[in-house]
């Protein structure tokens, strides 16, 4: 079951929505509901992750300096390797 809700849009946004609806053969209502659903899904996920991180921080659950250093070292080594591969590929050697 669905409910009706009124939303105010700037004229240019409404025009864009109408063009998109025509191009995708979907109704404006469908596209608006889908956009709202995706926005809510993303923001609920982000808020959940922030709240989980705050709980971990409040519990003192932090990575040690050594763990952080190992991650940076690993990413730096991978980044250097990937950068070198990219240069070789751009020169036709990869």
PDB file of N, CA and C in Angstrom:
ATOM      1  N   UNK A   1       0.840  -1.175   0.000  1.00  0.00           N
ATOM      2  CA  UNK A   1       0.000   0.000   0.000  1.00  0.00           C
ATOM      3  C   UNK A   1       0.888   1.242   0.000  1.00  0.00           C
ATOM      4  N   UNK A   2       0.477   2.245  -0.702  1.00  0.00           N
ATOM      5  CA  UNK A   2       1.236   3.491  -0.733  1.00  0.00           C
ATOM      6  C   UNK A   2       0.349   4.630  -0.255  1.00  0.00           C
ATOM      7  N   UNK A   3       0.986   5.718   0.117  1.00  0.00           N
ATOM      8  CA  UNK A   3       0.278   6.913   0.563  1.00  0.00           C
ATOM      9  C   UNK A   3       0.686   8.075  -0.329  1.00  0.00           C
ATOM     10  N   UNK A   4      -0.125   9.097  -0.331  1.00  0.00           N
ATOM     11  CA  UNK A   4       0.157  10.275  -1.144  1.00  0.00           C
ATOM     12  C   UNK A   4       0.839  11.324  -0.293  1.00  0.00           C
ATOM     13  N   UNK A   5       1.824  11.986  -0.892  1.00  0.00           N
ATOM     14  CA  UNK A   5       2.561  13.034  -0.208  1.00  0.00           C
ATOM     15  C   UNK A   5       2.815  14.148  -1.220  1.00  0.00           C
ATOM     16  N   UNK A   6       2.689  15.381  -0.800  1.00  0.00           N
ATOM     17  CA  UNK A   6       2.939  16.517  -1.678  1.00  0.00           C
ATOM     18  C   UNK A   6       4.349  17.033  -1.434  1.00  0.00           C
ATOM     19  N   UNK A   7       5.066  17.287  -2.513  1.00  0.00           N
ATOM     20  CA  UNK A   7       6.438  17.789  -2.423  1.00  0.00           C
ATOM     21  C   UNK A   7       6.549  19.024  -3.301  1.00  0.00           C
ATOM     22  N   UNK A   8       7.154  20.063  -2.770  1.00  0.00           N
ATOM     23  CA  UNK A   8       7.399  21.272  -3.564  1.00  0.00           C
ATOM     24  C   UNK A   8       8.764  21.155  -4.227  1.00  0.00           C
ATOM     25  N   UNK A   9       8.792  21.429  -5.528  1.00  0.00           N
ATOM     26  CA  UNK A   9      10.034  21.381  -6.289  1.00  0.00           C
ATOM     27  C   UNK A   9      10.253  22.706  -6.994  1.00  0.00           C
ATOM     28  N   UNK A  10      11.507  23.051  -7.157  1.00  0.00           N
ATOM     29  CA  UNK A  10      11.840  24.201  -7.992  1.00  0.00           C
ATOM     30  C   UNK A  10      11.417  23.865  -9.421  1.00  0.00           C
ATOM     31  N   UNK A  11      10.971  24.854 -10.179  1.00  0.00           N
ATOM     32  CA  UNK A  11      10.497  24.587 -11.552  1.00  0.00           C
ATOM     33  C   UNK A  11      11.506  23.827 -12.407  1.00  0.00           C
ATOM     34  N   UNK A  12      12.784  24.172 -12.313  1.00  0.00           N
ATOM     35  CA  UNK A  12      13.781  23.492 -13.145  1.00  0.00           C
ATOM     36  C   UNK A  12      13.955  22.030 -12.740  1.00  0.00           C
ATOM     37  N   UNK A  13      13.806  21.739 -11.439  1.00  0.00           N
ATOM     38  CA  UNK A  13      13.898  20.361 -10.983  1.00  0.00           C
ATOM     39  C   UNK A  13      12.694  19.557 -11.474  1.00  0.00           C
ATOM     40  N   UNK A  14      11.523  20.166 -11.444  1.00  0.00           N
ATOM     41  CA  UNK A  14      10.324  19.496 -11.954  1.00  0.00           C
ATOM     42  C   UNK A  14      10.473  19.193 -13.443  1.00  0.00           C
ATOM     43  N   UNK A  15      11.027  20.126 -14.197  1.00  0.00           N
ATOM     44  CA  UNK A  15      11.249  19.911 -15.632  1.00  0.00           C
ATOM     45  C   UNK A  15      12.217  18.756 -15.868  1.00  0.00           C
ATOM     46  N   UNK A  16      13.265  18.709 -15.083  1.00  0.00           N
ATOM     47  CA  UNK A  16      14.244  17.621 -15.216  1.00  0.00           C
ATOM     48  C   UNK A  16      13.593  16.282 -14.892  1.00  0.00           C
ATOM     49  N   UNK A  17      12.764  16.271 -13.845  1.00  0.00           N
ATOM     50  CA  UNK A  17      12.053  15.049 -13.469  1.00  0.00           C
ATOM     51  C   UNK A  17      11.120  14.609 -14.601  1.00  0.00           C
ATOM     52  N   UNK A  18      10.428  15.546 -15.195  1.00  0.00           N
ATOM     53  CA  UNK A  18       9.527  15.222 -16.311  1.00  0.00           C
ATOM     54  C   UNK A  18      10.293  14.653 -17.509  1.00  0.00           C
ATOM     55  N   UNK A  19      11.459  15.246 -17.815  1.00  0.00           N
ATOM     56  CA  UNK A  19      12.272  14.735 -18.927  1.00  0.00           C
ATOM     57  C   UNK A  19      12.777  13.324 -18.631  1.00  0.00           C
ATOM     58  N   UNK A  20      13.199  13.116 -17.401  1.00  0.00           N
ATOM     59  CA  UNK A  20      13.686  11.794 -17.019  1.00  0.00           C
ATOM     60  C   UNK A  20      12.555  10.769 -17.062  1.00  0.00           C
ATOM     61  N   UNK A  21      11.385  11.149 -16.595  1.00  0.00           N
ATOM     62  CA  UNK A  21      10.232  10.247 -16.633  1.00  0.00           C
ATOM     63  C   UNK A  21       9.911   9.856 -18.068  1.00  0.00           C
ATOM     64  N   UNK A  22       9.928  10.821 -18.959  1.00  0.00           N
ATOM     65  CA  UNK A  22       9.642  10.527 -20.366  1.00  0.00           C
ATOM     66  C   UNK A  22      10.714   9.626 -20.970  1.00  0.00           C
ATOM     67  N   UNK A  23      11.960   9.911 -20.661  1.00  0.00           N
ATOM     68  CA  UNK A  23      13.069   9.139 -21.229  1.00  0.00           C
ATOM     69  C   UNK A  23      13.094   7.702 -20.723  1.00  0.00           C
ATOM     70  N   UNK A  24      12.676   7.493 -19.480  1.00  0.00           N
ATOM     71  CA  UNK A  24      12.730   6.153 -18.882  1.00  0.00           C
ATOM     72  C   UNK A  24      11.394   5.428 -18.929  1.00  0.00           C
ATOM     73  N   UNK A  25      10.378   6.110 -19.447  1.00  0.00           N
ATOM     74  CA  UNK A  25       9.023   5.538 -19.510  1.00  0.00           C
ATOM     75  C   UNK A  25       8.530   5.138 -18.120  1.00  0.00           C
ATOM     76  N   UNK A  26       8.837   5.970 -17.151  1.00  0.00           N
ATOM     77  CA  UNK A  26       8.384   5.795 -15.766  1.00  0.00           C
ATOM     78  C   UNK A  26       7.587   7.022 -15.380  1.00  0.00           C
ATOM     79  N   UNK A  27       6.760   6.884 -14.361  1.00  0.00           N
ATOM     80  CA  UNK A  27       5.998   8.046 -13.899  1.00  0.00           C
ATOM     81  C   UNK A  27       6.880   8.928 -13.027  1.00  0.00           C
ATOM     82  N   UNK A  28       6.494  10.189 -12.934  1.00  0.00           N
ATOM     83  CA  UNK A  28       7.219  11.100 -12.029  1.00  0.00           C
ATOM     84  C   UNK A  28       7.127  10.583 -10.606  1.00  0.00           C
ATOM     85  N   UNK A  29       5.966  10.075 -10.230  1.00  0.00           N
ATOM     86  CA  UNK A  29       5.785   9.550  -8.870  1.00  0.00           C
ATOM     87  C   UNK A  29       6.733   8.394  -8.583  1.00  0.00           C
ATOM     88  N   UNK A  30       6.866   7.492  -9.550  1.00  0.00           N
ATOM     89  CA  UNK A  30       7.772   6.356  -9.370  1.00  0.00           C
ATOM     90  C   UNK A  30       9.196   6.845  -9.166  1.00  0.00           C
ATOM     91  N   UNK A  31       9.647   7.758 -10.036  1.00  0.00           N
ATOM     92  CA  UNK A  31      11.021   8.254  -9.938  1.00  0.00           C
ATOM     93  C   UNK A  31      11.255   9.006  -8.635  1.00  0.00           C
ATOM     94  N   UNK A  32      10.288   9.815  -8.219  1.00  0.00           N
ATOM     95  CA  UNK A  32      10.436  10.566  -6.971  1.00  0.00           C
ATOM     96  C   UNK A  32      10.494   9.616  -5.786  1.00  0.00           C
ATOM     97  N   UNK A  33       9.615   8.611  -5.765  1.00  0.00           N
ATOM     98  CA  UNK A  33       9.615   7.643  -4.656  1.00  0.00           C
ATOM     99  C   UNK A  33      10.924   6.865  -4.626  1.00  0.00           C
ATOM    100  N   UNK A  34      11.425   6.488  -5.810  1.00  0.00           N
ATOM    101  CA  UNK A  34      12.694   5.755  -5.880  1.00  0.00           C
ATOM    102  C   UNK A  34      13.856   6.619  -5.387  1.00  0.00           C
ATOM    103  N   UNK A  35      13.861   7.891  -5.770  1.00  0.00           N
ATOM    104  CA  UNK A  35      14.916   8.803  -5.319  1.00  0.00           C
ATOM    105  C   UNK A  35      14.876   8.976  -3.807  1.00  0.00           C
ATOM    106  N   UNK A  36      13.697   9.112  -3.256  1.00  0.00           N
ATOM    107  CA  UNK A  36      13.557   9.266  -1.805  1.00  0.00           C
ATOM    108  C   UNK A  36      14.004   7.995  -1.099  1.00  0.00           C
ATOM    109  N   UNK A  37      13.616   6.831  -1.635  1.00  0.00           N
ATOM    110  CA  UNK A  37      14.017   5.561  -1.018  1.00  0.00           C
ATOM    111  C   UNK A  37      15.535   5.428  -1.001  1.00  0.00           C
ATOM    112  N   UNK A  38      16.187   5.727  -2.124  1.00  0.00           N
ATOM    113  CA  UNK A  38      17.648   5.629  -2.194  1.00  0.00           C
ATOM    114  C   UNK A  38      18.317   6.614  -1.233  1.00  0.00           C
ATOM    115  N   UNK A  39      17.781   7.825  -1.142  1.00  0.00           N
ATOM    116  CA  UNK A  39      18.328   8.838  -0.232  1.00  0.00           C
ATOM    117  C   UNK A  39      18.223   8.363   1.215  1.00  0.00           C
ATOM    118  N   UNK A  40      17.064   7.835   1.573  1.00  0.00           N
ATOM    119  CA  UNK A  40      16.866   7.361   2.943  1.00  0.00           C
ATOM    120  C   UNK A  40      17.757   6.162   3.232  1.00  0.00           C
ATOM    121  N   UNK A  41      17.846   5.208   2.299  1.00  0.00           N
ATOM    122  CA  UNK A  41      18.723   4.050   2.495  1.00  0.00           C
ATOM    123  C   UNK A  41      20.156   4.488   2.761  1.00  0.00           C
ATOM    124  N   UNK A  42      20.665   5.393   1.941  1.00  0.00           N
ATOM    125  CA  UNK A  42      22.037   5.856   2.093  1.00  0.00           C
ATOM    126  C   UNK A  42      22.246   6.566   3.422  1.00  0.00           C
ATOM    127  N   UNK A  43      21.352   7.465   3.757  1.00  0.00           N
ATOM    128  CA  UNK A  43      21.517   8.234   4.991  1.00  0.00           C
ATOM    129  C   UNK A  43      21.310   7.387   6.234  1.00  0.00           C
ATOM    130  N   UNK A  44      20.392   6.434   6.200  1.00  0.00           N
ATOM    131  CA  UNK A  44      20.246   5.515   7.343  1.00  0.00           C
ATOM    132  C   UNK A  44      21.526   4.718   7.544  1.00  0.00           C
ATOM    133  N   UNK A  45      22.113   4.252   6.435  1.00  0.00           N
ATOM    134  CA  UNK A  45      23.348   3.483   6.530  1.00  0.00           C
ATOM    135  C   UNK A  45      24.465   4.346   7.117  1.00  0.00           C
ATOM    136  N   UNK A  46      24.622   5.572   6.599  1.00  0.00           N
ATOM    137  CA  UNK A  46      25.682   6.450   7.093  1.00  0.00           C
ATOM    138  C   UNK A  46      25.501   6.754   8.572  1.00  0.00           C
ATOM    139  N   UNK A  47      24.292   7.072   8.975  1.00  0.00           N
ATOM    140  CA  UNK A  47      24.032   7.382  10.385  1.00  0.00           C
ATOM    141  C   UNK A  47      24.317   6.163  11.248  1.00  0.00           C
ATOM    142  N   UNK A  48      23.914   4.979  10.782  1.00  0.00           N
ATOM    143  CA  UNK A  48      24.202   3.751  11.526  1.00  0.00           C
ATOM    144  C   UNK A  48      25.690   3.525  11.707  1.00  0.00           C
ATOM    145  N   UNK A  49      26.473   3.770  10.648  1.00  0.00           N
ATOM    146  CA  UNK A  49      27.919   3.599  10.739  1.00  0.00           C
ATOM    147  C   UNK A  49      28.546   4.616  11.694  1.00  0.00           C
ATOM    148  N   UNK A  50      28.081   5.845  11.652  1.00  0.00           N
ATOM    149  CA  UNK A  50      28.600   6.877  12.562  1.00  0.00           C
ATOM    150  C   UNK A  50      28.262   6.511  14.001  1.00  0.00           C
ATOM    151  N   UNK A  51      27.028   6.083  14.238  1.00  0.00           N
ATOM    152  CA  UNK A  51      26.636   5.699  15.596  1.00  0.00           C
ATOM    153  C   UNK A  51      27.456   4.512  16.094  1.00  0.00           C
ATOM    154  N   UNK A  52      27.714   3.534  15.222  1.00  0.00           N
ATOM    155  CA  UNK A  52      28.545   2.382  15.608  1.00  0.00           C
ATOM    156  C   UNK A  52      29.966   2.833  15.929  1.00  0.00           C
ATOM    157  N   UNK A  53      30.511   3.754  15.149  1.00  0.00           N
ATOM    158  CA  UNK A  53      31.864   4.263  15.391  1.00  0.00           C
ATOM    159  C   UNK A  53      31.930   5.019  16.711  1.00  0.00           C
ATOM    160  N   UNK A  54      30.885   5.774  17.017  1.00  0.00           N
ATOM    161  CA  UNK A  54      30.848   6.508  18.294  1.00  0.00           C
ATOM    162  C   UNK A  54      30.806   5.520  19.456  1.00  0.00           C
ATOM    163  N   UNK A  55      30.002   4.465  19.321  1.00  0.00           N
ATOM    164  CA  UNK A  55      29.951   3.445  20.391  1.00  0.00           C
ATOM    165  C   UNK A  55      31.320   2.803  20.588  1.00  0.00           C
ATOM    166  N   UNK A  56      32.004   2.486  19.476  1.00  0.00           N
ATOM    167  CA  UNK A  56      33.342   1.897  19.577  1.00  0.00           C
ATOM    168  C   UNK A  56      34.315   2.864  20.234  1.00  0.00           C
ATOM    169  N   UNK A  57      34.255   4.125  19.854  1.00  0.00           N
ATOM    170  CA  UNK A  57      35.154   5.124  20.437  1.00  0.00           C
ATOM    171  C   UNK A  57      34.861   5.297  21.923  1.00  0.00           C
ATOM    172  N   UNK A  58      33.576   5.346  22.278  1.00  0.00           N
ATOM    173  CA  UNK A  58      33.210   5.479  23.689  1.00  0.00           C
ATOM    174  C   UNK A  58      33.692   4.287  24.505  1.00  0.00           C
ATOM    175  N   UNK A  59      33.765   3.107  23.874  1.00  0.00           N
ATOM    176  CA  UNK A  59      34.237   1.901  24.554  1.00  0.00           C
ATOM    177  C   UNK A  59      35.756   1.803  24.539  1.00  0.00           C
ATOM    178  N   UNK A  60      36.423   2.781  23.898  1.00  0.00           N
ATOM    179  CA  UNK A  60      37.886   2.770  23.837  1.00  0.00           C
ATOM    180  C   UNK A  60      38.428   1.782  22.826  1.00  0.00           C
ATOM    181  N   UNK A  61      37.612   1.377  21.890  1.00  0.00           N
ATOM    182  CA  UNK A  61      38.009   0.393  20.885  1.00  0.00           C
ATOM    183  C   UNK A  61      38.672   1.105  19.709  1.00  0.00           C
ATOM    184  N   UNK A  62      39.978   1.352  19.830  1.00  0.00           N
ATOM    185  CA  UNK A  62      40.741   2.054  18.802  1.00  0.00           C
ATOM    186  C   UNK A  62      41.831   1.137  18.262  1.00  0.00           C
ATOM    187  N   UNK A  63      42.264   1.400  17.045  1.00  0.00           N
ATOM    188  CA  UNK A  63      43.407   0.688  16.493  1.00  0.00           C
ATOM    189  C   UNK A  63      44.663   1.211  17.177  1.00  0.00           C
ATOM    190  N   UNK A  64      45.607   0.314  17.374  1.00  0.00           N
ATOM    191  CA  UNK A  64      46.877   0.727  17.971  1.00  0.00           C
ATOM    192  C   UNK A  64      47.678   1.510  16.936  1.00  0.00           C
ATOM    193  N   UNK A  65      48.683   2.218  17.415  1.00  0.00           N
ATOM    194  CA  UNK A  65      49.544   2.971  16.498  1.00  0.00           C
ATOM    195  C   UNK A  65      50.222   2.026  15.517  1.00  0.00           C
ATOM    196  N   UNK A  66      50.612   0.836  15.981  1.00  0.00           N
ATOM    197  CA  UNK A  66      51.261  -0.140  15.108  1.00  0.00           C
ATOM    198  C   UNK A  66      50.285  -0.629  14.027  1.00  0.00           C
ATOM    199  N   UNK A  67      49.026  -0.893  14.399  1.00  0.00           N
ATOM    200  CA  UNK A  67      48.035  -1.343  13.413  1.00  0.00           C
ATOM    201  C   UNK A  67      47.796  -0.276  12.337  1.00  0.00           C
ATOM    202  N   UNK A  68      47.706   0.965  12.763  1.00  0.00           N
ATOM    203  CA  UNK A  68      47.504   2.061  11.807  1.00  0.00           C
ATOM    204  C   UNK A  68      48.708   2.169  10.881  1.00  0.00           C
ATOM    205  N   UNK A  69      49.895   2.079  11.443  1.00  0.00           N
ATOM    206  CA  UNK A  69      51.119   2.166  10.657  1.00  0.00           C
ATOM    207  C   UNK A  69      51.186   1.040   9.631  1.00  0.00           C
ATOM    208  N   UNK A  70      50.799  -0.177  10.027  1.00  0.00           N
ATOM    209  CA  UNK A  70      50.815  -1.310   9.102  1.00  0.00           C
ATOM    210  C   UNK A  70      49.849  -1.089   7.934  1.00  0.00           C
ATOM    211  N   UNK A  71      48.692  -0.549   8.213  1.00  0.00           N
ATOM    212  CA  UNK A  71      47.714  -0.280   7.151  1.00  0.00           C
ATOM    213  C   UNK A  71      48.266   0.762   6.189  1.00  0.00           C
ATOM    214  N   UNK A  72      48.830   1.841   6.736  1.00  0.00           N
ATOM    215  CA  UNK A  72      49.389   2.880   5.865  1.00  0.00           C
ATOM    216  C   UNK A  72      50.544   2.331   5.029  1.00  0.00           C
ATOM    217  N   UNK A  73      51.366   1.494   5.625  1.00  0.00           N
ATOM    218  CA  UNK A  73      52.483   0.903   4.894  1.00  0.00           C
ATOM    219  C   UNK A  73      51.969   0.014   3.772  1.00  0.00           C
ATOM    220  N   UNK A  74      50.973  -0.805   4.085  1.00  0.00           N
ATOM    221  CA  UNK A  74      50.410  -1.702   3.076  1.00  0.00           C
ATOM    222  C   UNK A  74      49.784  -0.902   1.929  1.00  0.00           C
ATOM    223  N   UNK A  75      49.012   0.131   2.263  1.00  0.00           N
ATOM    224  CA  UNK A  75      48.377   0.942   1.221  1.00  0.00           C
ATOM    225  C   UNK A  75      49.410   1.724   0.427  1.00  0.00           C
ATOM    226  N   UNK A  76      50.437   2.175   1.083  1.00  0.00           N
ATOM    227  CA  UNK A  76      51.494   2.914   0.385  1.00  0.00           C
ATOM    228  C   UNK A  76      52.204   1.996  -0.593  1.00  0.00           C
ATOM    229  N   UNK A  77      52.507   0.789  -0.173  1.00  0.00           N
ATOM    230  CA  UNK A  77      53.185  -0.164  -1.050  1.00  0.00           C
ATOM    231  C   UNK A  77      52.285  -0.515  -2.224  1.00  0.00           C
ATOM    232  N   UNK A  78      51.009  -0.756  -1.975  1.00  0.00           N
ATOM    233  CA  UNK A  78      50.070  -1.070  -3.051  1.00  0.00           C
ATOM    234  C   UNK A  78      49.895   0.125  -3.972  1.00  0.00           C
ATOM    235  N   UNK A  79      49.807   1.306  -3.399  1.00  0.00           N
ATOM    236  CA  UNK A  79      49.643   2.514  -4.203  1.00  0.00           C
ATOM    237  C   UNK A  79      50.831   2.742  -5.110  1.00  0.00           C
ATOM    238  N   UNK A  80      52.035   2.547  -4.571  1.00  0.00           N
ATOM    239  CA  UNK A  80      53.243   2.714  -5.391  1.00  0.00           C
ATOM    240  C   UNK A  80      53.254   1.696  -6.517  1.00  0.00           C
ATOM    241  N   UNK A  81      52.900   0.462  -6.197  1.00  0.00           N
ATOM    242  CA  UNK A  81      52.887  -0.596  -7.189  1.00  0.00           C
ATOM    243  C   UNK A  81      51.840  -0.307  -8.266  1.00  0.00           C
ATOM    244  N   UNK A  82      50.649   0.107  -7.860  1.00  0.00           N
ATOM    245  CA  UNK A  82      49.593   0.417  -8.818  1.00  0.00           C
ATOM    246  C   UNK A  82      49.965   1.626  -9.664  1.00  0.00           C
ATOM    247  N   UNK A  83      50.596   2.612  -9.055  1.00  0.00           N
ATOM    248  CA  UNK A  83      51.012   3.799  -9.811  1.00  0.00           C
ATOM    249  C   UNK A  83      52.049   3.407 -10.859  1.00  0.00           C
ATOM    250  N   UNK A  84      52.980   2.551 -10.490  1.00  0.00           N
ATOM    251  CA  UNK A  84      53.997   2.111 -11.439  1.00  0.00           C
ATOM    252  C   UNK A  84      53.357   1.337 -12.580  1.00  0.00           C
ATOM    253  N   UNK A  85      52.359   0.495 -12.274  1.00  0.00           N
ATOM    254  CA  UNK A  85      51.650  -0.246 -13.315  1.00  0.00           C
ATOM    255  C   UNK A  85      50.925   0.712 -14.252  1.00  0.00           C
ATOM    256  N   UNK A  86      50.322   1.732 -13.690  1.00  0.00           N
ATOM    257  CA  UNK A  86      49.605   2.708 -14.503  1.00  0.00           C
ATOM    258  C   UNK A  86      50.528   3.438 -15.455  1.00  0.00           C
ATOM    259  N   UNK A  87      51.722   3.800 -14.986  1.00  0.00           N
ATOM    260  CA  UNK A  87      52.706   4.475 -15.838  1.00  0.00           C
ATOM    261  C   UNK A  87      53.153   3.530 -16.945  1.00  0.00           C
ATOM    262  N   UNK A  88      53.414   2.270 -16.605  1.00  0.00           N
ATOM    263  CA  UNK A  88      53.841   1.312 -17.608  1.00  0.00           C
ATOM    264  C   UNK A  88      52.749   1.105 -18.646  1.00  0.00           C
ATOM    265  N   UNK A  89      51.489   1.017 -18.222  1.00  0.00           N
ATOM    266  CA  UNK A  89      50.386   0.841 -19.164  1.00  0.00           C
ATOM    267  C   UNK A  89      50.221   2.056 -20.057  1.00  0.00           C
ATOM    268  N   UNK A  90      50.392   3.240 -19.470  1.00  0.00           N
ATOM    269  CA  UNK A  90      50.217   4.448 -20.286  1.00  0.00           C
ATOM    270  C   UNK A  90      51.337   4.579 -21.315  1.00  0.00           C
ATOM    271  N   UNK A  91      52.451   3.929 -21.058  1.00  0.00           N
ATOM    272  CA  UNK A  91      53.576   3.953 -22.008  1.00  0.00           C
ATOM    273  C   UNK A  91      53.545   2.751 -22.943  1.00  0.00           C
ATOM    274  N   UNK A  92      52.476   1.948 -22.840  1.00  0.00           N
ATOM    275  CA  UNK A  92      52.332   0.794 -23.723  1.00  0.00           C
ATOM    276  C   UNK A  92      53.130  -0.411 -23.301  1.00  0.00           C
ATOM    277  N   UNK A  93      53.528  -0.468 -22.028  1.00  0.00           N
ATOM    278  CA  UNK A  93      54.336  -1.599 -21.553  1.00  0.00           C
ATOM    279  C   UNK A  93      53.541  -2.549 -20.662  1.00  0.00           C
ATOM    280  N   UNK A  94      52.247  -2.255 -20.405  1.00  0.00           N
ATOM    281  CA  UNK A  94      51.521  -3.078 -19.416  1.00  0.00           C
ATOM    282  C   UNK A  94      50.609  -4.048 -19.961  1.00  0.00           C
TER     283      UNK A  94
END
